[in-house]
N, C-alpha and C. Protein backbone atom coordinates (compact mmCIF):
# COMPACT_ATOMS: atom_id res chain seq x y z
N MET A 1 -25.66 -8.64 25.66
CA MET A 1 -25.28 -7.45 24.92
C MET A 1 -26.35 -7.17 23.87
N THR A 2 -26.80 -5.96 23.79
CA THR A 2 -27.82 -5.59 22.81
C THR A 2 -27.16 -5.25 21.48
N THR A 3 -27.97 -5.15 20.46
CA THR A 3 -27.46 -4.79 19.13
C THR A 3 -26.80 -3.42 19.17
N ASP A 4 -27.39 -2.50 19.92
CA ASP A 4 -26.80 -1.17 20.03
C ASP A 4 -25.43 -1.22 20.69
N ASP A 5 -25.29 -2.10 21.71
CA ASP A 5 -23.98 -2.25 22.37
C ASP A 5 -22.96 -2.82 21.40
N ALA A 6 -23.37 -3.79 20.59
CA ALA A 6 -22.46 -4.41 19.64
C ALA A 6 -21.99 -3.42 18.58
N ARG A 7 -22.83 -2.45 18.27
CA ARG A 7 -22.49 -1.46 17.25
C ARG A 7 -21.87 -0.20 17.83
N ALA A 8 -21.66 -0.18 19.11
CA ALA A 8 -21.08 1.00 19.74
C ALA A 8 -19.73 1.31 19.11
N ARG A 9 -19.47 2.56 18.85
CA ARG A 9 -18.22 2.99 18.25
C ARG A 9 -17.12 2.99 19.30
N TYR A 10 -15.97 2.57 18.84
CA TYR A 10 -14.79 2.64 19.69
C TYR A 10 -14.36 4.09 19.76
N THR A 11 -14.35 4.63 20.94
CA THR A 11 -13.94 6.02 21.11
C THR A 11 -12.92 6.10 22.24
N ARG A 12 -12.20 7.18 22.23
CA ARG A 12 -11.25 7.48 23.29
C ARG A 12 -11.56 8.89 23.78
N ASP A 13 -12.61 8.98 24.53
CA ASP A 13 -13.05 10.28 25.02
C ASP A 13 -12.07 10.91 25.99
N ASP A 14 -11.20 10.09 26.57
CA ASP A 14 -10.27 10.62 27.56
C ASP A 14 -8.97 11.12 26.92
N GLU A 15 -8.87 11.08 25.60
CA GLU A 15 -7.66 11.52 24.91
C GLU A 15 -7.67 13.02 24.68
N SER A 16 -6.53 13.63 24.91
CA SER A 16 -6.38 15.04 24.55
C SER A 16 -6.09 15.09 23.04
N PRO A 17 -6.24 16.26 22.43
CA PRO A 17 -5.91 16.35 21.00
C PRO A 17 -4.46 15.94 20.71
N GLY A 18 -3.55 16.29 21.57
CA GLY A 18 -2.15 15.90 21.39
C GLY A 18 -1.95 14.40 21.50
N GLU A 19 -2.61 13.79 22.47
CA GLU A 19 -2.52 12.33 22.61
C GLU A 19 -3.12 11.63 21.39
N ARG A 20 -4.20 12.18 20.88
CA ARG A 20 -4.84 11.61 19.69
C ARG A 20 -3.88 11.68 18.50
N LEU A 21 -3.23 12.81 18.30
CA LEU A 21 -2.26 12.95 17.20
C LEU A 21 -1.10 11.98 17.38
N ASP A 22 -0.60 11.85 18.60
CA ASP A 22 0.49 10.90 18.86
C ASP A 22 0.06 9.47 18.53
N ARG A 23 -1.15 9.11 18.94
CA ARG A 23 -1.65 7.76 18.66
C ARG A 23 -1.81 7.55 17.16
N GLN A 24 -2.38 8.53 16.48
CA GLN A 24 -2.57 8.40 15.04
C GLN A 24 -1.24 8.27 14.31
N TRP A 25 -0.25 9.03 14.74
CA TRP A 25 1.07 8.95 14.12
C TRP A 25 1.69 7.57 14.37
N ASN A 26 1.58 7.08 15.59
CA ASN A 26 2.13 5.75 15.90
C ASN A 26 1.42 4.65 15.12
N GLU A 27 0.11 4.77 14.95
CA GLU A 27 -0.63 3.78 14.16
C GLU A 27 -0.17 3.81 12.70
N LEU A 28 0.03 5.00 12.17
CA LEU A 28 0.53 5.12 10.80
C LEU A 28 1.92 4.52 10.66
N LEU A 29 2.79 4.74 11.63
CA LEU A 29 4.13 4.17 11.58
C LEU A 29 4.10 2.64 11.60
N GLN A 30 3.21 2.08 12.38
CA GLN A 30 3.07 0.62 12.41
C GLN A 30 2.65 0.10 11.04
N GLU A 31 1.71 0.76 10.41
CA GLU A 31 1.26 0.37 9.07
C GLU A 31 2.41 0.49 8.08
N LEU A 32 3.17 1.57 8.19
CA LEU A 32 4.28 1.80 7.27
C LEU A 32 5.38 0.75 7.43
N ARG A 33 5.63 0.30 8.65
CA ARG A 33 6.66 -0.73 8.86
C ARG A 33 6.37 -1.97 8.03
N LEU A 34 5.13 -2.39 8.03
CA LEU A 34 4.75 -3.56 7.23
C LEU A 34 4.89 -3.28 5.74
N ALA A 35 4.36 -2.18 5.30
CA ALA A 35 4.38 -1.86 3.88
C ALA A 35 5.81 -1.62 3.38
N GLN A 36 6.62 -0.93 4.15
CA GLN A 36 8.00 -0.66 3.75
C GLN A 36 8.79 -1.95 3.57
N THR A 37 8.65 -2.86 4.52
CA THR A 37 9.42 -4.10 4.46
C THR A 37 9.04 -4.91 3.22
N GLY A 38 7.76 -5.09 3.00
CA GLY A 38 7.32 -5.84 1.83
C GLY A 38 7.77 -5.21 0.53
N THR A 39 7.67 -3.89 0.45
CA THR A 39 8.06 -3.19 -0.76
C THR A 39 9.57 -3.28 -0.99
N GLN A 40 10.35 -3.19 0.07
CA GLN A 40 11.80 -3.28 -0.08
C GLN A 40 12.23 -4.68 -0.51
N VAL A 41 11.57 -5.71 -0.01
CA VAL A 41 11.87 -7.08 -0.42
C VAL A 41 11.52 -7.25 -1.90
N LEU A 42 10.34 -6.78 -2.30
CA LEU A 42 9.93 -6.86 -3.70
C LEU A 42 10.91 -6.10 -4.59
N PHE A 43 11.29 -4.91 -4.18
CA PHE A 43 12.23 -4.10 -4.95
C PHE A 43 13.56 -4.83 -5.13
N ALA A 44 14.08 -5.40 -4.06
CA ALA A 44 15.34 -6.13 -4.14
C ALA A 44 15.22 -7.34 -5.06
N PHE A 45 14.12 -8.06 -4.95
CA PHE A 45 13.89 -9.21 -5.82
C PHE A 45 13.86 -8.77 -7.27
N LEU A 46 13.13 -7.70 -7.55
CA LEU A 46 13.04 -7.22 -8.92
C LEU A 46 14.40 -6.78 -9.46
N LEU A 47 15.20 -6.14 -8.62
CA LEU A 47 16.53 -5.73 -9.06
C LEU A 47 17.38 -6.92 -9.49
N SER A 48 17.24 -8.02 -8.77
CA SER A 48 18.06 -9.19 -9.08
C SER A 48 17.66 -9.87 -10.39
N ILE A 49 16.39 -9.76 -10.77
CA ILE A 49 15.91 -10.41 -12.00
C ILE A 49 16.64 -9.91 -13.23
N ALA A 50 16.88 -8.63 -13.31
CA ALA A 50 17.46 -8.04 -14.52
C ALA A 50 18.83 -8.61 -14.86
N PHE A 51 19.50 -9.21 -13.92
CA PHE A 51 20.86 -9.68 -14.14
C PHE A 51 20.94 -11.19 -14.41
N THR A 52 19.80 -11.81 -14.62
CA THR A 52 19.79 -13.23 -14.94
C THR A 52 19.83 -13.43 -16.45
N ASN A 53 20.43 -14.54 -16.87
CA ASN A 53 20.53 -14.83 -18.31
C ASN A 53 19.15 -14.99 -18.93
N ARG A 54 18.27 -15.67 -18.25
CA ARG A 54 16.93 -15.90 -18.80
C ARG A 54 16.21 -14.58 -19.06
N PHE A 55 16.36 -13.63 -18.14
CA PHE A 55 15.71 -12.33 -18.33
C PHE A 55 16.32 -11.60 -19.52
N GLN A 56 17.61 -11.69 -19.68
CA GLN A 56 18.28 -11.02 -20.79
C GLN A 56 17.72 -11.50 -22.13
N ASP A 57 17.30 -12.76 -22.18
CA ASP A 57 16.76 -13.35 -23.41
C ASP A 57 15.25 -13.13 -23.57
N ALA A 58 14.61 -12.51 -22.60
CA ALA A 58 13.16 -12.32 -22.63
C ALA A 58 12.77 -11.33 -23.74
N ASP A 59 11.50 -11.36 -24.11
CA ASP A 59 11.00 -10.48 -25.17
C ASP A 59 10.78 -9.06 -24.67
N ASP A 60 10.45 -8.18 -25.61
CA ASP A 60 10.25 -6.76 -25.28
C ASP A 60 9.10 -6.56 -24.29
N PHE A 61 8.03 -7.35 -24.44
CA PHE A 61 6.89 -7.24 -23.53
C PHE A 61 7.35 -7.44 -22.09
N THR A 62 8.12 -8.49 -21.86
CA THR A 62 8.61 -8.79 -20.50
C THR A 62 9.50 -7.67 -19.99
N HIS A 63 10.36 -7.15 -20.85
CA HIS A 63 11.22 -6.04 -20.44
C HIS A 63 10.41 -4.80 -20.11
N ASP A 64 9.38 -4.53 -20.91
CA ASP A 64 8.52 -3.36 -20.66
C ASP A 64 7.75 -3.51 -19.35
N VAL A 65 7.19 -4.70 -19.12
CA VAL A 65 6.47 -4.95 -17.86
C VAL A 65 7.43 -4.81 -16.69
N TYR A 66 8.64 -5.35 -16.86
CA TYR A 66 9.65 -5.25 -15.81
C TYR A 66 9.96 -3.79 -15.49
N ALA A 67 10.17 -2.99 -16.53
CA ALA A 67 10.51 -1.57 -16.32
C ALA A 67 9.37 -0.87 -15.58
N GLY A 68 8.14 -1.10 -16.01
CA GLY A 68 6.99 -0.50 -15.32
C GLY A 68 6.87 -0.96 -13.89
N THR A 69 7.15 -2.24 -13.67
CA THR A 69 7.07 -2.80 -12.32
C THR A 69 8.15 -2.21 -11.41
N MET A 70 9.34 -2.06 -11.96
CA MET A 70 10.43 -1.45 -11.17
C MET A 70 10.08 -0.01 -10.80
N ILE A 71 9.54 0.72 -11.76
CA ILE A 71 9.17 2.12 -11.50
C ILE A 71 8.06 2.20 -10.46
N ALA A 72 7.04 1.34 -10.60
CA ALA A 72 5.95 1.32 -9.61
C ALA A 72 6.48 0.96 -8.23
N SER A 73 7.40 0.01 -8.17
CA SER A 73 7.99 -0.40 -6.90
C SER A 73 8.80 0.74 -6.28
N ALA A 74 9.54 1.46 -7.11
CA ALA A 74 10.31 2.61 -6.61
C ALA A 74 9.38 3.70 -6.10
N PHE A 75 8.29 3.97 -6.84
CA PHE A 75 7.32 4.96 -6.37
C PHE A 75 6.71 4.54 -5.03
N ALA A 76 6.37 3.26 -4.92
CA ALA A 76 5.80 2.76 -3.66
C ALA A 76 6.79 2.95 -2.52
N ALA A 77 8.03 2.55 -2.75
CA ALA A 77 9.05 2.69 -1.70
C ALA A 77 9.23 4.16 -1.32
N ALA A 78 9.27 5.03 -2.32
CA ALA A 78 9.45 6.46 -2.04
C ALA A 78 8.29 7.01 -1.20
N LEU A 79 7.08 6.63 -1.56
CA LEU A 79 5.91 7.14 -0.82
C LEU A 79 5.83 6.55 0.59
N PHE A 80 6.26 5.30 0.77
CA PHE A 80 6.25 4.71 2.10
C PHE A 80 7.35 5.28 2.99
N LEU A 81 8.44 5.71 2.39
CA LEU A 81 9.53 6.30 3.17
C LEU A 81 9.37 7.80 3.35
N ALA A 82 8.56 8.43 2.52
CA ALA A 82 8.39 9.89 2.58
C ALA A 82 7.94 10.39 3.95
N PRO A 83 7.00 9.71 4.64
CA PRO A 83 6.61 10.21 5.96
C PRO A 83 7.78 10.27 6.96
N VAL A 84 8.76 9.41 6.79
CA VAL A 84 9.92 9.44 7.68
C VAL A 84 10.70 10.73 7.46
N SER A 85 10.96 11.05 6.21
CA SER A 85 11.67 12.29 5.89
C SER A 85 10.84 13.51 6.31
N PHE A 86 9.56 13.43 6.04
CA PHE A 86 8.63 14.49 6.42
C PHE A 86 8.71 14.76 7.92
N HIS A 87 8.68 13.68 8.69
CA HIS A 87 8.76 13.80 10.15
C HIS A 87 10.09 14.41 10.57
N ARG A 88 11.19 13.96 9.96
CA ARG A 88 12.50 14.49 10.34
C ARG A 88 12.57 15.98 10.11
N ILE A 89 12.01 16.44 8.99
CA ILE A 89 12.07 17.86 8.66
C ILE A 89 11.17 18.68 9.59
N LEU A 90 10.03 18.11 9.99
CA LEU A 90 9.09 18.83 10.85
C LEU A 90 9.25 18.50 12.33
N PHE A 91 10.22 17.68 12.68
CA PHE A 91 10.42 17.25 14.05
C PHE A 91 10.53 18.46 14.98
N ARG A 92 9.76 18.42 16.04
CA ARG A 92 9.72 19.45 17.08
C ARG A 92 9.19 20.80 16.59
N LYS A 93 8.47 20.79 15.50
CA LYS A 93 7.87 22.03 14.99
C LYS A 93 6.39 22.13 15.35
N LYS A 94 5.89 21.14 16.09
CA LYS A 94 4.49 21.12 16.54
C LYS A 94 3.53 21.21 15.35
N MET A 95 3.80 20.38 14.33
CA MET A 95 2.99 20.40 13.12
C MET A 95 2.39 19.02 12.83
N ARG A 96 2.28 18.18 13.83
CA ARG A 96 1.76 16.84 13.63
C ARG A 96 0.33 16.86 13.08
N ASP A 97 -0.43 17.88 13.45
CA ASP A 97 -1.80 17.98 12.94
C ASP A 97 -1.83 18.16 11.43
N ARG A 98 -0.81 18.77 10.86
CA ARG A 98 -0.70 18.90 9.41
C ARG A 98 -0.03 17.69 8.79
N MET A 99 0.93 17.15 9.50
CA MET A 99 1.75 16.06 8.99
C MET A 99 0.97 14.77 8.80
N ILE A 100 0.11 14.42 9.73
CA ILE A 100 -0.59 13.13 9.70
C ILE A 100 -1.49 13.00 8.46
N PRO A 101 -2.33 13.96 8.13
CA PRO A 101 -3.15 13.78 6.92
C PRO A 101 -2.32 13.65 5.64
N ILE A 102 -1.26 14.42 5.54
CA ILE A 102 -0.41 14.35 4.34
C ILE A 102 0.32 13.01 4.30
N ALA A 103 0.87 12.59 5.41
CA ALA A 103 1.56 11.28 5.47
C ALA A 103 0.58 10.15 5.17
N GLY A 104 -0.65 10.31 5.60
CA GLY A 104 -1.67 9.31 5.29
C GLY A 104 -1.93 9.21 3.79
N ARG A 105 -1.95 10.35 3.12
CA ARG A 105 -2.14 10.34 1.67
C ARG A 105 -0.91 9.75 0.96
N MET A 106 0.27 10.03 1.48
CA MET A 106 1.48 9.42 0.91
C MET A 106 1.39 7.89 1.03
N THR A 107 0.95 7.43 2.18
CA THR A 107 0.82 6.00 2.40
C THR A 107 -0.21 5.39 1.46
N ALA A 108 -1.34 6.06 1.27
CA ALA A 108 -2.36 5.57 0.34
C ALA A 108 -1.81 5.50 -1.09
N GLY A 109 -1.05 6.48 -1.47
CA GLY A 109 -0.41 6.46 -2.79
C GLY A 109 0.58 5.32 -2.90
N GLY A 110 1.33 5.09 -1.83
CA GLY A 110 2.28 3.97 -1.82
C GLY A 110 1.57 2.63 -1.98
N LEU A 111 0.40 2.50 -1.34
CA LEU A 111 -0.37 1.26 -1.49
C LEU A 111 -0.83 1.06 -2.93
N PHE A 112 -1.24 2.13 -3.58
CA PHE A 112 -1.64 2.04 -4.99
C PHE A 112 -0.48 1.54 -5.85
N PHE A 113 0.69 2.15 -5.68
CA PHE A 113 1.83 1.73 -6.48
C PHE A 113 2.32 0.33 -6.10
N LEU A 114 2.13 -0.05 -4.85
CA LEU A 114 2.48 -1.40 -4.44
C LEU A 114 1.59 -2.42 -5.16
N ILE A 115 0.31 -2.11 -5.31
CA ILE A 115 -0.58 -3.00 -6.07
C ILE A 115 -0.06 -3.16 -7.49
N LEU A 116 0.33 -2.05 -8.11
CA LEU A 116 0.85 -2.13 -9.48
C LEU A 116 2.13 -2.94 -9.54
N ALA A 117 3.03 -2.72 -8.59
CA ALA A 117 4.30 -3.44 -8.59
C ALA A 117 4.09 -4.94 -8.35
N MET A 118 3.23 -5.28 -7.42
CA MET A 118 2.97 -6.70 -7.17
C MET A 118 2.31 -7.35 -8.39
N SER A 119 1.40 -6.65 -9.01
CA SER A 119 0.74 -7.18 -10.20
C SER A 119 1.75 -7.38 -11.33
N GLY A 120 2.63 -6.42 -11.51
CA GLY A 120 3.66 -6.56 -12.54
C GLY A 120 4.60 -7.71 -12.25
N GLY A 121 5.00 -7.86 -10.99
CA GLY A 121 5.87 -8.98 -10.62
C GLY A 121 5.20 -10.32 -10.86
N ILE A 122 3.92 -10.41 -10.52
CA ILE A 122 3.16 -11.64 -10.76
C ILE A 122 3.04 -11.89 -12.27
N LEU A 123 2.78 -10.84 -13.04
CA LEU A 123 2.66 -10.99 -14.49
C LEU A 123 3.96 -11.55 -15.08
N ILE A 124 5.08 -11.02 -14.65
CA ILE A 124 6.37 -11.51 -15.15
C ILE A 124 6.57 -12.98 -14.77
N ALA A 125 6.29 -13.31 -13.53
CA ALA A 125 6.52 -14.68 -13.05
C ALA A 125 5.57 -15.68 -13.70
N ILE A 126 4.28 -15.35 -13.74
CA ILE A 126 3.29 -16.28 -14.29
C ILE A 126 3.49 -16.43 -15.80
N ASP A 127 3.93 -15.38 -16.46
CA ASP A 127 4.18 -15.44 -17.90
C ASP A 127 5.27 -16.46 -18.23
N VAL A 128 6.16 -16.74 -17.30
CA VAL A 128 7.23 -17.72 -17.50
C VAL A 128 6.69 -19.15 -17.42
N VAL A 129 5.76 -19.38 -16.52
CA VAL A 129 5.31 -20.76 -16.27
C VAL A 129 3.99 -21.12 -16.95
N LEU A 130 3.20 -20.12 -17.34
CA LEU A 130 1.93 -20.36 -18.02
C LEU A 130 1.91 -19.54 -19.31
N SER A 131 0.84 -19.61 -20.02
CA SER A 131 0.72 -18.78 -21.23
C SER A 131 0.53 -17.32 -20.83
N ARG A 132 0.79 -16.45 -21.76
CA ARG A 132 0.62 -15.02 -21.49
C ARG A 132 -0.84 -14.71 -21.19
N THR A 133 -1.75 -15.36 -21.91
CA THR A 133 -3.18 -15.16 -21.65
C THR A 133 -3.52 -15.56 -20.22
N ALA A 134 -3.01 -16.70 -19.77
CA ALA A 134 -3.26 -17.14 -18.40
C ALA A 134 -2.67 -16.14 -17.41
N ALA A 135 -1.50 -15.60 -17.73
CA ALA A 135 -0.87 -14.61 -16.85
C ALA A 135 -1.75 -13.37 -16.72
N PHE A 136 -2.33 -12.92 -17.83
CA PHE A 136 -3.22 -11.75 -17.78
C PHE A 136 -4.46 -12.05 -16.95
N ILE A 137 -5.00 -13.25 -17.08
CA ILE A 137 -6.19 -13.62 -16.31
C ILE A 137 -5.86 -13.65 -14.81
N VAL A 138 -4.72 -14.23 -14.47
CA VAL A 138 -4.31 -14.28 -13.06
C VAL A 138 -4.13 -12.87 -12.51
N VAL A 139 -3.48 -12.01 -13.26
CA VAL A 139 -3.24 -10.64 -12.79
C VAL A 139 -4.56 -9.86 -12.70
N ALA A 140 -5.46 -10.08 -13.63
CA ALA A 140 -6.77 -9.42 -13.54
C ALA A 140 -7.48 -9.84 -12.26
N PHE A 141 -7.44 -11.14 -11.96
CA PHE A 141 -8.05 -11.64 -10.72
C PHE A 141 -7.34 -11.03 -9.51
N LEU A 142 -6.02 -10.98 -9.54
CA LEU A 142 -5.24 -10.40 -8.45
C LEU A 142 -5.59 -8.93 -8.24
N LEU A 143 -5.70 -8.17 -9.32
CA LEU A 143 -6.09 -6.76 -9.20
C LEU A 143 -7.47 -6.63 -8.56
N ALA A 144 -8.39 -7.46 -9.01
CA ALA A 144 -9.74 -7.43 -8.41
C ALA A 144 -9.66 -7.77 -6.93
N TRP A 145 -8.85 -8.74 -6.57
CA TRP A 145 -8.67 -9.15 -5.18
C TRP A 145 -8.18 -7.98 -4.33
N PHE A 146 -7.14 -7.31 -4.81
CA PHE A 146 -6.61 -6.15 -4.10
C PHE A 146 -7.67 -5.06 -3.96
N ILE A 147 -8.35 -4.77 -5.04
CA ILE A 147 -9.35 -3.70 -5.01
C ILE A 147 -10.46 -4.02 -4.01
N VAL A 148 -10.89 -5.27 -3.99
CA VAL A 148 -11.95 -5.65 -3.05
C VAL A 148 -11.47 -5.50 -1.61
N PHE A 149 -10.31 -6.09 -1.28
CA PHE A 149 -9.88 -6.11 0.12
C PHE A 149 -9.20 -4.84 0.59
N TRP A 150 -8.56 -4.10 -0.31
CA TRP A 150 -7.87 -2.89 0.11
C TRP A 150 -8.73 -1.64 -0.02
N TYR A 151 -9.75 -1.68 -0.88
CA TYR A 151 -10.54 -0.48 -1.12
C TYR A 151 -12.04 -0.71 -0.93
N ALA A 152 -12.61 -1.67 -1.63
CA ALA A 152 -14.07 -1.83 -1.62
C ALA A 152 -14.61 -2.15 -0.23
N ILE A 153 -14.04 -3.12 0.46
CA ILE A 153 -14.55 -3.47 1.79
C ILE A 153 -14.38 -2.32 2.78
N PRO A 154 -13.20 -1.71 2.86
CA PRO A 154 -13.09 -0.57 3.79
C PRO A 154 -14.04 0.57 3.45
N LEU A 155 -14.21 0.87 2.16
CA LEU A 155 -15.14 1.93 1.78
C LEU A 155 -16.57 1.55 2.09
N TRP A 156 -16.92 0.30 1.92
CA TRP A 156 -18.26 -0.19 2.26
C TRP A 156 -18.51 -0.05 3.75
N VAL A 157 -17.53 -0.43 4.57
CA VAL A 157 -17.67 -0.31 6.03
C VAL A 157 -17.80 1.16 6.42
N ARG A 158 -16.99 2.02 5.81
CA ARG A 158 -17.07 3.45 6.11
C ARG A 158 -18.44 4.00 5.73
N ARG A 159 -18.92 3.63 4.57
CA ARG A 159 -20.24 4.09 4.12
C ARG A 159 -21.34 3.56 5.04
N ALA A 160 -21.25 2.29 5.40
CA ALA A 160 -22.26 1.69 6.28
C ALA A 160 -22.26 2.37 7.64
N SER A 161 -21.09 2.76 8.13
CA SER A 161 -21.04 3.43 9.44
C SER A 161 -21.67 4.80 9.36
N ARG A 162 -21.56 5.48 8.23
CA ARG A 162 -22.20 6.78 8.07
C ARG A 162 -23.72 6.64 8.06
N VAL A 163 -24.20 5.58 7.42
CA VAL A 163 -25.64 5.32 7.37
C VAL A 163 -26.15 5.03 8.79
N ASP A 164 -25.39 4.23 9.56
CA ASP A 164 -25.76 3.91 10.94
C ASP A 164 -25.82 5.17 11.81
N GLU A 165 -24.90 6.09 11.57
CA GLU A 165 -24.83 7.31 12.38
C GLU A 165 -25.94 8.29 12.00
N GLY A 166 -26.36 8.27 10.73
CA GLY A 166 -27.32 9.25 10.24
C GLY A 166 -28.70 8.85 10.52
């Protein structure tokens, strides 16, 4: 295999525009299934924390982080579920070409809020077992981790592919 063969782009030249839209929608749904489940588990976990005695005795900082984390988690859940409602409303209206880009942006927004919610949850948990300073350091590292793997690497690959094509 030559270098050019190894860099060949994956294409589906035999797909009709409708088949391409169906595939893109199904791929988005698969991604959403994973994100929705994780977000719903996190949301449920966060809901249960507020009713524990230890949390009731926590300081204002912890309560504020908790409130922000719950709100971020709710936003993430709403954005991950929004494409489902969107699809139901547009079902059989032959608008998938409009729906997919918007649902993709909803999903991207959900991922952003999921990062915030996970970071807040980690901050609350680590703050209990380590110092607050250590909790901030761990969360800063976690945020950098998410940014690298969820944004920087994909954007780097996208940019590199444009350079290869040009």
